[in-house]
């Protein structure tokens, strides 16, 4: 039998309210503590409005915006992985390095995805 968190008992609107609160806390923590997340937010604040100025179809615009938001999502997950690895131990370990490197690779691919999607939409 696995033990569940005692915080899992909330249901209905209370659960939704709590989830919103935790999400806002997570975004605040990422913005405050993670330089890469702040840089990617600035990139998003530039690219998303730019997508509305460029003469592209709505489907292309949606893909452009989604690719930018994907970078933020992947960066949040990467930052969470790094925080957990650091919480477990600050000692050098090949599995810790692997986890952090894989998270970094995911962010790199998400950024590459932005370049590819924007390039394809703009070239069409």
PDB file of N, CA and C in Angstrom:
ATOM      1  N   UNK A   1       0.837  -1.186   0.000  1.00  0.00           N
ATOM      2  CA  UNK A   1       0.000   0.000   0.000  1.00  0.00           C
ATOM      3  C   UNK A   1       0.884   1.253   0.000  1.00  0.00           C
ATOM      4  N   UNK A   2       0.650   2.140  -0.934  1.00  0.00           N
ATOM      5  CA  UNK A   2       1.447   3.363  -0.988  1.00  0.00           C
ATOM      6  C   UNK A   2       0.773   4.463  -0.173  1.00  0.00           C
ATOM      7  N   UNK A   3       1.593   5.290   0.424  1.00  0.00           N
ATOM      8  CA  UNK A   3       1.059   6.388   1.207  1.00  0.00           C
ATOM      9  C   UNK A   3       0.885   7.597   0.309  1.00  0.00           C
ATOM     10  N   UNK A   4      -0.233   8.273   0.462  1.00  0.00           N
ATOM     11  CA  UNK A   4      -0.505   9.474  -0.311  1.00  0.00           C
ATOM     12  C   UNK A   4      -0.297  10.694   0.572  1.00  0.00           C
ATOM     13  N   UNK A   5      -0.076  11.789  -0.082  1.00  0.00           N
ATOM     14  CA  UNK A   5       0.110  13.044   0.633  1.00  0.00           C
ATOM     15  C   UNK A   5      -1.170  13.412   1.389  1.00  0.00           C
ATOM     16  N   UNK A   6      -1.049  13.926   2.605  1.00  0.00           N
ATOM     17  CA  UNK A   6      -2.236  14.364   3.334  1.00  0.00           C
ATOM     18  C   UNK A   6      -2.884  15.592   2.700  1.00  0.00           C
ATOM     19  N   UNK A   7      -2.210  16.215   1.755  1.00  0.00           N
ATOM     20  CA  UNK A   7      -2.745  17.400   1.093  1.00  0.00           C
ATOM     21  C   UNK A   7      -3.626  17.054  -0.100  1.00  0.00           C
ATOM     22  N   UNK A   8      -3.763  15.756  -0.402  1.00  0.00           N
ATOM     23  CA  UNK A   8      -4.523  15.311  -1.569  1.00  0.00           C
ATOM     24  C   UNK A   8      -6.029  15.277  -1.323  1.00  0.00           C
ATOM     25  N   UNK A   9      -6.506  15.576  -0.129  1.00  0.00           N
ATOM     26  CA  UNK A   9      -7.912  15.382   0.218  1.00  0.00           C
ATOM     27  C   UNK A   9      -8.863  16.446  -0.282  1.00  0.00           C
ATOM     28  N   UNK A  10      -8.389  17.546  -0.774  1.00  0.00           N
ATOM     29  CA  UNK A  10      -9.272  18.631  -1.210  1.00  0.00           C
ATOM     30  C   UNK A  10      -9.960  18.268  -2.524  1.00  0.00           C
ATOM     31  N   UNK A  11     -11.215  18.669  -2.657  1.00  0.00           N
ATOM     32  CA  UNK A  11     -11.969  18.414  -3.885  1.00  0.00           C
ATOM     33  C   UNK A  11     -12.729  19.670  -4.286  1.00  0.00           C
ATOM     34  N   UNK A  12     -13.311  19.617  -5.469  1.00  0.00           N
ATOM     35  CA  UNK A  12     -14.177  20.693  -5.936  1.00  0.00           C
ATOM     36  C   UNK A  12     -13.460  22.011  -6.124  1.00  0.00           C
ATOM     37  N   UNK A  13     -14.190  23.088  -5.834  1.00  0.00           N
ATOM     38  CA  UNK A  13     -13.657  24.438  -6.049  1.00  0.00           C
ATOM     39  C   UNK A  13     -12.467  24.722  -5.142  1.00  0.00           C
ATOM     40  N   UNK A  14     -12.445  24.127  -3.962  1.00  0.00           N
ATOM     41  CA  UNK A  14     -11.316  24.337  -3.043  1.00  0.00           C
ATOM     42  C   UNK A  14     -10.028  23.801  -3.670  1.00  0.00           C
ATOM     43  N   UNK A  15     -10.106  22.639  -4.309  1.00  0.00           N
ATOM     44  CA  UNK A  15      -8.943  22.057  -4.965  1.00  0.00           C
ATOM     45  C   UNK A  15      -8.474  22.947  -6.106  1.00  0.00           C
ATOM     46  N   UNK A  16      -9.424  23.468  -6.896  1.00  0.00           N
ATOM     47  CA  UNK A  16      -9.073  24.355  -8.012  1.00  0.00           C
ATOM     48  C   UNK A  16      -8.407  25.625  -7.484  1.00  0.00           C
ATOM     49  N   UNK A  17      -8.974  26.190  -6.414  1.00  0.00           N
ATOM     50  CA  UNK A  17      -8.398  27.399  -5.823  1.00  0.00           C
ATOM     51  C   UNK A  17      -6.985  27.136  -5.312  1.00  0.00           C
ATOM     52  N   UNK A  18      -6.800  26.012  -4.618  1.00  0.00           N
ATOM     53  CA  UNK A  18      -5.473  25.654  -4.112  1.00  0.00           C
ATOM     54  C   UNK A  18      -4.491  25.449  -5.262  1.00  0.00           C
ATOM     55  N   UNK A  19      -4.933  24.765  -6.318  1.00  0.00           N
ATOM     56  CA  UNK A  19      -4.063  24.515  -7.473  1.00  0.00           C
ATOM     57  C   UNK A  19      -3.637  25.836  -8.109  1.00  0.00           C
ATOM     58  N   UNK A  20      -4.566  26.771  -8.236  1.00  0.00           N
ATOM     59  CA  UNK A  20      -4.235  28.090  -8.789  1.00  0.00           C
ATOM     60  C   UNK A  20      -3.196  28.785  -7.905  1.00  0.00           C
ATOM     61  N   UNK A  21      -3.395  28.727  -6.606  1.00  0.00           N
ATOM     62  CA  UNK A  21      -2.467  29.350  -5.655  1.00  0.00           C
ATOM     63  C   UNK A  21      -1.077  28.723  -5.786  1.00  0.00           C
ATOM     64  N   UNK A  22      -1.003  27.393  -5.831  1.00  0.00           N
ATOM     65  CA  UNK A  22       0.287  26.715  -5.951  1.00  0.00           C
ATOM     66  C   UNK A  22       0.958  27.043  -7.286  1.00  0.00           C
ATOM     67  N   UNK A  23       0.167  27.135  -8.338  1.00  0.00           N
ATOM     68  CA  UNK A  23       0.719  27.462  -9.654  1.00  0.00           C
ATOM     69  C   UNK A  23       1.311  28.869  -9.666  1.00  0.00           C
ATOM     70  N   UNK A  24       0.599  29.826  -9.094  1.00  0.00           N
ATOM     71  CA  UNK A  24       1.111  31.196  -9.033  1.00  0.00           C
ATOM     72  C   UNK A  24       2.379  31.258  -8.181  1.00  0.00           C
ATOM     73  N   UNK A  25       2.415  30.490  -7.086  1.00  0.00           N
ATOM     74  CA  UNK A  25       3.623  30.438  -6.259  1.00  0.00           C
ATOM     75  C   UNK A  25       4.787  29.859  -7.049  1.00  0.00           C
ATOM     76  N   UNK A  26       4.514  28.838  -7.843  1.00  0.00           N
ATOM     77  CA  UNK A  26       5.558  28.231  -8.667  1.00  0.00           C
ATOM     78  C   UNK A  26       6.087  29.191  -9.714  1.00  0.00           C
ATOM     79  N   UNK A  27       5.186  29.909 -10.366  1.00  0.00           N
ATOM     80  CA  UNK A  27       5.618  30.892 -11.369  1.00  0.00           C
ATOM     81  C   UNK A  27       6.450  31.993 -10.714  1.00  0.00           C
ATOM     82  N   UNK A  28       5.999  32.457  -9.547  1.00  0.00           N
ATOM     83  CA  UNK A  28       6.744  33.487  -8.824  1.00  0.00           C
ATOM     84  C   UNK A  28       8.131  32.981  -8.432  1.00  0.00           C
ATOM     85  N   UNK A  29       8.193  31.759  -7.920  1.00  0.00           N
ATOM     86  CA  UNK A  29       9.480  31.183  -7.511  1.00  0.00           C
ATOM     87  C   UNK A  29      10.410  31.034  -8.709  1.00  0.00           C
ATOM     88  N   UNK A  30       9.878  30.554  -9.828  1.00  0.00           N
ATOM     89  CA  UNK A  30      10.708  30.384 -11.024  1.00  0.00           C
ATOM     90  C   UNK A  30      11.222  31.733 -11.503  1.00  0.00           C
ATOM     91  N   UNK A  31      10.350  32.728 -11.528  1.00  0.00           N
ATOM     92  CA  UNK A  31      10.767  34.043 -12.008  1.00  0.00           C
ATOM     93  C   UNK A  31      11.797  34.666 -11.065  1.00  0.00           C
ATOM     94  N   UNK A  32      11.600  34.478  -9.779  1.00  0.00           N
ATOM     95  CA  UNK A  32      12.498  35.066  -8.780  1.00  0.00           C
ATOM     96  C   UNK A  32      13.853  34.374  -8.732  1.00  0.00           C
ATOM     97  N   UNK A  33      13.844  33.040  -8.840  1.00  0.00           N
ATOM     98  CA  UNK A  33      15.063  32.264  -8.565  1.00  0.00           C
ATOM     99  C   UNK A  33      15.784  31.742  -9.803  1.00  0.00           C
ATOM    100  N   UNK A  34      15.163  31.752 -10.953  1.00  0.00           N
ATOM    101  CA  UNK A  34      15.745  31.114 -12.134  1.00  0.00           C
ATOM    102  C   UNK A  34      16.030  32.138 -13.229  1.00  0.00           C
ATOM    103  N   UNK A  35      17.323  32.417 -13.448  1.00  0.00           N
ATOM    104  CA  UNK A  35      17.719  33.384 -14.479  1.00  0.00           C
ATOM    105  C   UNK A  35      17.221  32.975 -15.863  1.00  0.00           C
ATOM    106  N   UNK A  36      17.350  31.699 -16.185  1.00  0.00           N
ATOM    107  CA  UNK A  36      16.944  31.228 -17.514  1.00  0.00           C
ATOM    108  C   UNK A  36      15.449  31.459 -17.732  1.00  0.00           C
ATOM    109  N   UNK A  37      14.634  31.216 -16.700  1.00  0.00           N
ATOM    110  CA  UNK A  37      13.193  31.429 -16.838  1.00  0.00           C
ATOM    111  C   UNK A  37      12.891  32.901 -17.089  1.00  0.00           C
ATOM    112  N   UNK A  38      13.567  33.789 -16.366  1.00  0.00           N
ATOM    113  CA  UNK A  38      13.364  35.230 -16.592  1.00  0.00           C
ATOM    114  C   UNK A  38      13.726  35.616 -18.022  1.00  0.00           C
ATOM    115  N   UNK A  39      14.843  35.081 -18.530  1.00  0.00           N
ATOM    116  CA  UNK A  39      15.249  35.388 -19.907  1.00  0.00           C
ATOM    117  C   UNK A  39      14.213  34.871 -20.903  1.00  0.00           C
ATOM    118  N   UNK A  40      13.684  33.685 -20.651  1.00  0.00           N
ATOM    119  CA  UNK A  40      12.696  33.120 -21.572  1.00  0.00           C
ATOM    120  C   UNK A  40      11.359  33.849 -21.481  1.00  0.00           C
ATOM    121  N   UNK A  41      11.026  34.371 -20.309  1.00  0.00           N
ATOM    122  CA  UNK A  41       9.823  35.204 -20.185  1.00  0.00           C
ATOM    123  C   UNK A  41       9.998  36.470 -21.014  1.00  0.00           C
ATOM    124  N   UNK A  42      11.182  37.079 -20.949  1.00  0.00           N
ATOM    125  CA  UNK A  42      11.440  38.277 -21.766  1.00  0.00           C
ATOM    126  C   UNK A  42      11.341  37.952 -23.255  1.00  0.00           C
ATOM    127  N   UNK A  43      11.869  36.799 -23.648  1.00  0.00           N
ATOM    128  CA  UNK A  43      11.748  36.358 -25.038  1.00  0.00           C
ATOM    129  C   UNK A  43      10.276  36.208 -25.417  1.00  0.00           C
ATOM    130  N   UNK A  44       9.495  35.613 -24.534  1.00  0.00           N
ATOM    131  CA  UNK A  44       8.058  35.438 -24.795  1.00  0.00           C
ATOM    132  C   UNK A  44       7.345  36.782 -24.886  1.00  0.00           C
ATOM    133  N   UNK A  45       7.719  37.718 -24.018  1.00  0.00           N
ATOM    134  CA  UNK A  45       7.094  39.043 -24.042  1.00  0.00           C
ATOM    135  C   UNK A  45       7.412  39.799 -25.331  1.00  0.00           C
ATOM    136  N   UNK A  46       8.477  39.416 -25.998  1.00  0.00           N
ATOM    137  CA  UNK A  46       8.816  40.001 -27.294  1.00  0.00           C
ATOM    138  C   UNK A  46       8.151  39.224 -28.436  1.00  0.00           C
ATOM    139  N   UNK A  47       8.275  37.899 -28.411  1.00  0.00           N
ATOM    140  CA  UNK A  47       7.826  37.086 -29.546  1.00  0.00           C
ATOM    141  C   UNK A  47       6.308  36.972 -29.668  1.00  0.00           C
ATOM    142  N   UNK A  48       5.604  36.831 -28.550  1.00  0.00           N
ATOM    143  CA  UNK A  48       4.146  36.668 -28.641  1.00  0.00           C
ATOM    144  C   UNK A  48       3.496  37.900 -29.271  1.00  0.00           C
ATOM    145  N   UNK A  49       3.769  39.127 -28.797  1.00  0.00           N
ATOM    146  CA  UNK A  49       3.196  40.289 -29.484  1.00  0.00           C
ATOM    147  C   UNK A  49       3.663  40.400 -30.942  1.00  0.00           C
ATOM    148  N   UNK A  50       4.935  40.035 -31.205  1.00  0.00           N
ATOM    149  CA  UNK A  50       5.447  40.072 -32.574  1.00  0.00           C
ATOM    150  C   UNK A  50       4.627  39.170 -33.490  1.00  0.00           C
ATOM    151  N   UNK A  51       4.182  38.033 -32.967  1.00  0.00           N
ATOM    152  CA  UNK A  51       3.396  37.106 -33.793  1.00  0.00           C
ATOM    153  C   UNK A  51       2.084  37.746 -34.267  1.00  0.00           C
ATOM    154  N   UNK A  52       1.563  38.710 -33.517  1.00  0.00           N
ATOM    155  CA  UNK A  52       0.325  39.381 -33.908  1.00  0.00           C
ATOM    156  C   UNK A  52       0.568  40.488 -34.928  1.00  0.00           C
ATOM    157  N   UNK A  53       1.805  40.945 -35.019  1.00  0.00           N
ATOM    158  CA  UNK A  53       2.153  41.995 -35.971  1.00  0.00           C
ATOM    159  C   UNK A  53       2.486  41.402 -37.343  1.00  0.00           C
ATOM    160  N   UNK A  54       3.041  40.221 -37.336  1.00  0.00           N
ATOM    161  CA  UNK A  54       3.463  39.584 -38.588  1.00  0.00           C
ATOM    162  C   UNK A  54       2.257  39.101 -39.391  1.00  0.00           C
ATOM    163  N   UNK A  55       2.349  39.202 -40.719  1.00  0.00           N
ATOM    164  CA  UNK A  55       1.225  38.785 -41.575  1.00  0.00           C
ATOM    165  C   UNK A  55       1.226  37.261 -41.793  1.00  0.00           C
ATOM    166  N   UNK A  56       0.772  36.531 -40.770  1.00  0.00           N
ATOM    167  CA  UNK A  56       0.720  35.069 -40.855  1.00  0.00           C
ATOM    168  C   UNK A  56      -0.711  34.619 -40.554  1.00  0.00           C
ATOM    169  N   UNK A  57      -1.103  33.456 -41.080  1.00  0.00           N
ATOM    170  CA  UNK A  57      -2.453  32.950 -40.790  1.00  0.00           C
ATOM    171  C   UNK A  57      -2.604  32.620 -39.302  1.00  0.00           C
ATOM    172  N   UNK A  58      -3.858  32.559 -38.842  1.00  0.00           N
ATOM    173  CA  UNK A  58      -4.119  32.321 -37.431  1.00  0.00           C
ATOM    174  C   UNK A  58      -3.557  30.984 -36.970  1.00  0.00           C
ATOM    175  N   UNK A  59      -3.604  29.967 -37.794  1.00  0.00           N
ATOM    176  CA  UNK A  59      -3.051  28.668 -37.420  1.00  0.00           C
ATOM    177  C   UNK A  59      -1.549  28.744 -37.202  1.00  0.00           C
ATOM    178  N   UNK A  60      -0.870  29.455 -38.086  1.00  0.00           N
ATOM    179  CA  UNK A  60       0.562  29.651 -37.938  1.00  0.00           C
ATOM    180  C   UNK A  60       0.885  30.456 -36.700  1.00  0.00           C
ATOM    181  N   UNK A  61       0.082  31.492 -36.457  1.00  0.00           N
ATOM    182  CA  UNK A  61       0.281  32.324 -35.264  1.00  0.00           C
ATOM    183  C   UNK A  61       0.115  31.474 -34.002  1.00  0.00           C
ATOM    184  N   UNK A  62      -0.897  30.619 -34.004  1.00  0.00           N
ATOM    185  CA  UNK A  62      -1.121  29.746 -32.844  1.00  0.00           C
ATOM    186  C   UNK A  62       0.079  28.826 -32.632  1.00  0.00           C
ATOM    187  N   UNK A  63       0.616  28.278 -33.706  1.00  0.00           N
ATOM    188  CA  UNK A  63       1.798  27.405 -33.596  1.00  0.00           C
ATOM    189  C   UNK A  63       3.003  28.190 -33.081  1.00  0.00           C
ATOM    190  N   UNK A  64       3.157  29.416 -33.538  1.00  0.00           N
ATOM    191  CA  UNK A  64       4.269  30.253 -33.098  1.00  0.00           C
ATOM    192  C   UNK A  64       4.175  30.521 -31.591  1.00  0.00           C
ATOM    193  N   UNK A  65       2.973  30.897 -31.137  1.00  0.00           N
ATOM    194  CA  UNK A  65       2.773  31.184 -29.716  1.00  0.00           C
ATOM    195  C   UNK A  65       2.937  29.907 -28.887  1.00  0.00           C
ATOM    196  N   UNK A  66       2.385  28.800 -29.370  1.00  0.00           N
ATOM    197  CA  UNK A  66       2.502  27.531 -28.643  1.00  0.00           C
ATOM    198  C   UNK A  66       3.965  27.120 -28.497  1.00  0.00           C
ATOM    199  N   UNK A  67       4.760  27.343 -29.535  1.00  0.00           N
ATOM    200  CA  UNK A  67       6.176  26.967 -29.448  1.00  0.00           C
ATOM    201  C   UNK A  67       6.899  27.795 -28.394  1.00  0.00           C
ATOM    202  N   UNK A  68       6.528  29.056 -28.260  1.00  0.00           N
ATOM    203  CA  UNK A  68       7.144  29.921 -27.246  1.00  0.00           C
ATOM    204  C   UNK A  68       6.705  29.489 -25.842  1.00  0.00           C
ATOM    205  N   UNK A  69       5.412  29.205 -25.689  1.00  0.00           N
ATOM    206  CA  UNK A  69       4.915  28.768 -24.383  1.00  0.00           C
ATOM    207  C   UNK A  69       5.518  27.428 -23.984  1.00  0.00           C
ATOM    208  N   UNK A  70       5.782  26.574 -24.971  1.00  0.00           N
ATOM    209  CA  UNK A  70       6.406  25.282 -24.684  1.00  0.00           C
ATOM    210  C   UNK A  70       7.782  25.472 -24.036  1.00  0.00           C
ATOM    211  N   UNK A  71       8.518  26.472 -24.463  1.00  0.00           N
ATOM    212  CA  UNK A  71       9.824  26.754 -23.854  1.00  0.00           C
ATOM    213  C   UNK A  71       9.651  27.053 -22.367  1.00  0.00           C
ATOM    214  N   UNK A  72       8.658  27.872 -22.033  1.00  0.00           N
ATOM    215  CA  UNK A  72       8.429  28.210 -20.621  1.00  0.00           C
ATOM    216  C   UNK A  72       8.033  26.972 -19.828  1.00  0.00           C
ATOM    217  N   UNK A  73       7.181  26.136 -20.399  1.00  0.00           N
ATOM    218  CA  UNK A  73       6.743  24.914 -19.723  1.00  0.00           C
ATOM    219  C   UNK A  73       7.929  23.984 -19.470  1.00  0.00           C
ATOM    220  N   UNK A  74       8.742  23.771 -20.494  1.00  0.00           N
ATOM    221  CA  UNK A  74       9.889  22.872 -20.354  1.00  0.00           C
ATOM    222  C   UNK A  74      10.894  23.448 -19.363  1.00  0.00           C
ATOM    223  N   UNK A  75      11.079  24.749 -19.369  1.00  0.00           N
ATOM    224  CA  UNK A  75      11.998  25.372 -18.415  1.00  0.00           C
ATOM    225  C   UNK A  75      11.496  25.189 -16.984  1.00  0.00           C
ATOM    226  N   UNK A  76      10.198  25.300 -16.774  1.00  0.00           N
ATOM    227  CA  UNK A  76       9.644  25.073 -15.434  1.00  0.00           C
ATOM    228  C   UNK A  76       9.915  23.645 -14.972  1.00  0.00           C
ATOM    229  N   UNK A  77       9.708  22.689 -15.864  1.00  0.00           N
ATOM    230  CA  UNK A  77       9.963  21.289 -15.515  1.00  0.00           C
ATOM    231  C   UNK A  77      11.456  21.076 -15.247  1.00  0.00           C
ATOM    232  N   UNK A  78      12.298  21.653 -16.091  1.00  0.00           N
ATOM    233  CA  UNK A  78      13.746  21.547 -15.886  1.00  0.00           C
ATOM    234  C   UNK A  78      14.153  22.148 -14.545  1.00  0.00           C
ATOM    235  N   UNK A  79      13.610  23.295 -14.211  1.00  0.00           N
ATOM    236  CA  UNK A  79      13.945  23.935 -12.936  1.00  0.00           C
ATOM    237  C   UNK A  79      13.479  23.080 -11.763  1.00  0.00           C
ATOM    238  N   UNK A  80      12.317  22.451 -11.900  1.00  0.00           N
ATOM    239  CA  UNK A  80      11.819  21.569 -10.841  1.00  0.00           C
ATOM    240  C   UNK A  80      12.745  20.371 -10.665  1.00  0.00           C
ATOM    241  N   UNK A  81      13.189  19.792 -11.764  1.00  0.00           N
ATOM    242  CA  UNK A  81      14.123  18.663 -11.692  1.00  0.00           C
ATOM    243  C   UNK A  81      15.410  19.084 -10.995  1.00  0.00           C
ATOM    244  N   UNK A  82      15.935  20.233 -11.384  1.00  0.00           N
ATOM    245  CA  UNK A  82      17.172  20.712 -10.770  1.00  0.00           C
ATOM    246  C   UNK A  82      16.991  20.960  -9.273  1.00  0.00           C
ATOM    247  N   UNK A  83      15.843  21.504  -8.882  1.00  0.00           N
ATOM    248  CA  UNK A  83      15.594  21.767  -7.467  1.00  0.00           C
ATOM    249  C   UNK A  83      15.528  20.462  -6.673  1.00  0.00           C
ATOM    250  N   UNK A  84      14.881  19.464  -7.223  1.00  0.00           N
ATOM    251  CA  UNK A  84      14.784  18.177  -6.531  1.00  0.00           C
ATOM    252  C   UNK A  84      16.161  17.526  -6.424  1.00  0.00           C
ATOM    253  N   UNK A  85      16.921  17.554  -7.506  1.00  0.00           N
ATOM    254  CA  UNK A  85      18.268  16.971  -7.472  1.00  0.00           C
ATOM    255  C   UNK A  85      19.110  17.681  -6.411  1.00  0.00           C
ATOM    256  N   UNK A  86      19.048  18.998  -6.368  1.00  0.00           N
ATOM    257  CA  UNK A  86      19.832  19.749  -5.390  1.00  0.00           C
ATOM    258  C   UNK A  86      19.322  19.515  -3.966  1.00  0.00           C
ATOM    259  N   UNK A  87      18.020  19.303  -3.832  1.00  0.00           N
ATOM    260  CA  UNK A  87      17.446  19.026  -2.499  1.00  0.00           C
ATOM    261  C   UNK A  87      17.933  17.681  -1.974  1.00  0.00           C
ATOM    262  N   UNK A  88      18.031  16.701  -2.857  1.00  0.00           N
ATOM    263  CA  UNK A  88      18.471  15.366  -2.447  1.00  0.00           C
ATOM    264  C   UNK A  88      19.927  15.407  -2.004  1.00  0.00           C
ATOM    265  N   UNK A  89      20.765  16.050  -2.817  1.00  0.00           N
ATOM    266  CA  UNK A  89      22.183  16.131  -2.454  1.00  0.00           C
ATOM    267  C   UNK A  89      22.896  17.118  -3.363  1.00  0.00           C
ATOM    268  N   UNK A  90      23.796  17.873  -2.764  1.00  0.00           N
ATOM    269  CA  UNK A  90      24.635  18.775  -3.552  1.00  0.00           C
ATOM    270  C   UNK A  90      25.945  18.115  -3.951  1.00  0.00           C
ATOM    271  N   UNK A  91      26.139  16.873  -3.522  1.00  0.00           N
ATOM    272  CA  UNK A  91      27.338  16.126  -3.906  1.00  0.00           C
ATOM    273  C   UNK A  91      27.311  15.845  -5.399  1.00  0.00           C
ATOM    274  N   UNK A  92      28.494  15.791  -5.994  1.00  0.00           N
ATOM    275  CA  UNK A  92      28.590  15.433  -7.412  1.00  0.00           C
ATOM    276  C   UNK A  92      28.281  13.950  -7.570  1.00  0.00           C
ATOM    277  N   UNK A  93      27.368  13.653  -8.478  1.00  0.00           N
ATOM    278  CA  UNK A  93      27.013  12.265  -8.757  1.00  0.00           C
ATOM    279  C   UNK A  93      26.639  12.173 -10.226  1.00  0.00           C
ATOM    280  N   UNK A  94      27.031  11.082 -10.872  1.00  0.00           N
ATOM    281  CA  UNK A  94      26.786  10.976 -12.313  1.00  0.00           C
ATOM    282  C   UNK A  94      25.286  10.954 -12.639  1.00  0.00           C
ATOM    283  N   UNK A  95      24.446  10.437 -11.745  1.00  0.00           N
ATOM    284  CA  UNK A  95      23.003  10.446 -12.010  1.00  0.00           C
ATOM    285  C   UNK A  95      22.402  11.843 -11.851  1.00  0.00           C
ATOM    286  N   UNK A  96      22.937  12.615 -10.905  1.00  0.00           N
ATOM    287  CA  UNK A  96      22.495  14.010 -10.768  1.00  0.00           C
ATOM    288  C   UNK A  96      22.856  14.804 -12.009  1.00  0.00           C
ATOM    289  N   UNK A  97      24.091  14.606 -12.480  1.00  0.00           N
ATOM    290  CA  UNK A  97      24.527  15.290 -13.701  1.00  0.00           C
ATOM    291  C   UNK A  97      23.665  14.877 -14.881  1.00  0.00           C
ATOM    292  N   UNK A  98      23.395  13.582 -14.979  1.00  0.00           N
ATOM    293  CA  UNK A  98      22.573  13.100 -16.090  1.00  0.00           C
ATOM    294  C   UNK A  98      21.181  13.734 -16.057  1.00  0.00           C
ATOM    295  N   UNK A  99      20.560  13.767 -14.884  1.00  0.00           N
ATOM    296  CA  UNK A  99      19.223  14.356 -14.767  1.00  0.00           C
ATOM    297  C   UNK A  99      19.231  15.828 -15.179  1.00  0.00           C
ATOM    298  N   UNK A 100      20.229  16.559 -14.707  1.00  0.00           N
ATOM    299  CA  UNK A 100      20.307  17.986 -15.048  1.00  0.00           C
ATOM    300  C   UNK A 100      20.622  18.189 -16.526  1.00  0.00           C
ATOM    301  N   UNK A 101      21.503  17.380 -17.074  1.00  0.00           N
ATOM    302  CA  UNK A 101      21.845  17.494 -18.498  1.00  0.00           C
ATOM    303  C   UNK A 101      20.650  17.159 -19.387  1.00  0.00           C
ATOM    304  N   UNK A 102      19.879  16.151 -19.008  1.00  0.00           N
ATOM    305  CA  UNK A 102      18.699  15.785 -19.800  1.00  0.00           C
ATOM    306  C   UNK A 102      17.662  16.903 -19.743  1.00  0.00           C
ATOM    307  N   UNK A 103      17.474  17.497 -18.570  1.00  0.00           N
ATOM    308  CA  UNK A 103      16.561  18.637 -18.464  1.00  0.00           C
ATOM    309  C   UNK A 103      17.016  19.799 -19.326  1.00  0.00           C
ATOM    310  N   UNK A 104      18.311  20.054 -19.321  1.00  0.00           N
ATOM    311  CA  UNK A 104      18.875  21.108 -20.156  1.00  0.00           C
ATOM    312  C   UNK A 104      18.682  20.802 -21.641  1.00  0.00           C
ATOM    313  N   UNK A 105      18.848  19.546 -22.012  1.00  0.00           N
ATOM    314  CA  UNK A 105      18.642  19.143 -23.409  1.00  0.00           C
ATOM    315  C   UNK A 105      17.190  19.362 -23.826  1.00  0.00           C
ATOM    316  N   UNK A 106      16.260  19.113 -22.914  1.00  0.00           N
ATOM    317  CA  UNK A 106      14.842  19.334 -23.219  1.00  0.00           C
ATOM    318  C   UNK A 106      14.577  20.811 -23.504  1.00  0.00           C
ATOM    319  N   UNK A 107      15.170  21.689 -22.709  1.00  0.00           N
ATOM    320  CA  UNK A 107      15.017  23.132 -22.944  1.00  0.00           C
ATOM    321  C   UNK A 107      15.630  23.507 -24.287  1.00  0.00           C
ATOM    322  N   UNK A 108      16.809  22.970 -24.580  1.00  0.00           N
ATOM    323  CA  UNK A 108      17.466  23.241 -25.858  1.00  0.00           C
ATOM    324  C   UNK A 108      16.568  22.837 -27.024  1.00  0.00           C
ATOM    325  N   UNK A 109      15.963  21.647 -26.944  1.00  0.00           N
ATOM    326  CA  UNK A 109      15.078  21.196 -28.030  1.00  0.00           C
ATOM    327  C   UNK A 109      13.833  22.077 -28.136  1.00  0.00           C
ATOM    328  N   UNK A 110      13.319  22.539 -27.008  1.00  0.00           N
ATOM    329  CA  UNK A 110      12.165  23.438 -27.051  1.00  0.00           C
ATOM    330  C   UNK A 110      12.532  24.761 -27.724  1.00  0.00           C
ATOM    331  N   UNK A 111      13.729  25.266 -27.432  1.00  0.00           N
ATOM    332  CA  UNK A 111      14.191  26.500 -28.093  1.00  0.00           C
ATOM    333  C   UNK A 111      14.421  26.277 -29.586  1.00  0.00           C
ATOM    334  N   UNK A 112      15.001  25.140 -29.933  1.00  0.00           N
ATOM    335  CA  UNK A 112      15.188  24.791 -31.340  1.00  0.00           C
ATOM    336  C   UNK A 112      13.833  24.695 -32.045  1.00  0.00           C
ATOM    337  N   UNK A 113      12.847  24.163 -31.342  1.00  0.00           N
ATOM    338  CA  UNK A 113      11.484  24.069 -31.874  1.00  0.00           C
ATOM    339  C   UNK A 113      10.927  25.452 -32.218  1.00  0.00           C
ATOM    340  N   UNK A 114      11.211  26.441 -31.380  1.00  0.00           N
ATOM    341  CA  UNK A 114      10.769  27.816 -31.679  1.00  0.00           C
ATOM    342  C   UNK A 114      11.357  28.274 -33.004  1.00  0.00           C
ATOM    343  N   UNK A 115      12.640  28.054 -33.183  1.00  0.00           N
ATOM    344  CA  UNK A 115      13.317  28.475 -34.416  1.00  0.00           C
ATOM    345  C   UNK A 115      12.691  27.771 -35.623  1.00  0.00           C
ATOM    346  N   UNK A 116      12.474  26.470 -35.505  1.00  0.00           N
ATOM    347  CA  UNK A 116      11.918  25.699 -36.630  1.00  0.00           C
ATOM    348  C   UNK A 116      10.487  26.130 -36.935  1.00  0.00           C
ATOM    349  N   UNK A 117       9.648  26.228 -35.911  1.00  0.00           N
ATOM    350  CA  UNK A 117       8.240  26.599 -36.135  1.00  0.00           C
ATOM    351  C   UNK A 117       8.153  28.006 -36.715  1.00  0.00           C
ATOM    352  N   UNK A 118       8.860  28.950 -36.114  1.00  0.00           N
ATOM    353  CA  UNK A 118       8.801  30.321 -36.623  1.00  0.00           C
ATOM    354  C   UNK A 118       9.351  30.391 -38.042  1.00  0.00           C
ATOM    355  N   UNK A 119      10.436  29.666 -38.289  1.00  0.00           N
ATOM    356  CA  UNK A 119      10.994  29.644 -39.638  1.00  0.00           C
ATOM    357  C   UNK A 119      10.029  29.069 -40.658  1.00  0.00           C
ATOM    358  N   UNK A 120       9.376  27.969 -40.318  1.00  0.00           N
ATOM    359  CA  UNK A 120       8.417  27.342 -41.245  1.00  0.00           C
ATOM    360  C   UNK A 120       7.216  28.251 -41.504  1.00  0.00           C
ATOM    361  N   UNK A 121       6.696  28.856 -40.441  1.00  0.00           N
ATOM    362  CA  UNK A 121       5.520  29.729 -40.607  1.00  0.00           C
ATOM    363  C   UNK A 121       5.890  30.951 -41.433  1.00  0.00           C
ATOM    364  N   UNK A 122       7.020  31.539 -41.161  1.00  0.00           N
ATOM    365  CA  UNK A 122       7.415  32.753 -41.882  1.00  0.00           C
ATOM    366  C   UNK A 122       7.824  32.468 -43.324  1.00  0.00           C
ATOM    367  N   UNK A 123       8.320  31.258 -43.584  1.00  0.00           N
ATOM    368  CA  UNK A 123       8.725  30.894 -44.941  1.00  0.00           C
ATOM    369  C   UNK A 123       7.533  30.507 -45.808  1.00  0.00           C
ATOM    370  N   UNK A 124       6.422  30.173 -45.182  1.00  0.00           N
ATOM    371  CA  UNK A 124       5.233  29.716 -45.946  1.00  0.00           C
ATOM    372  C   UNK A 124       4.568  30.863 -46.694  1.00  0.00           C
TER     373      UNK A 124
END
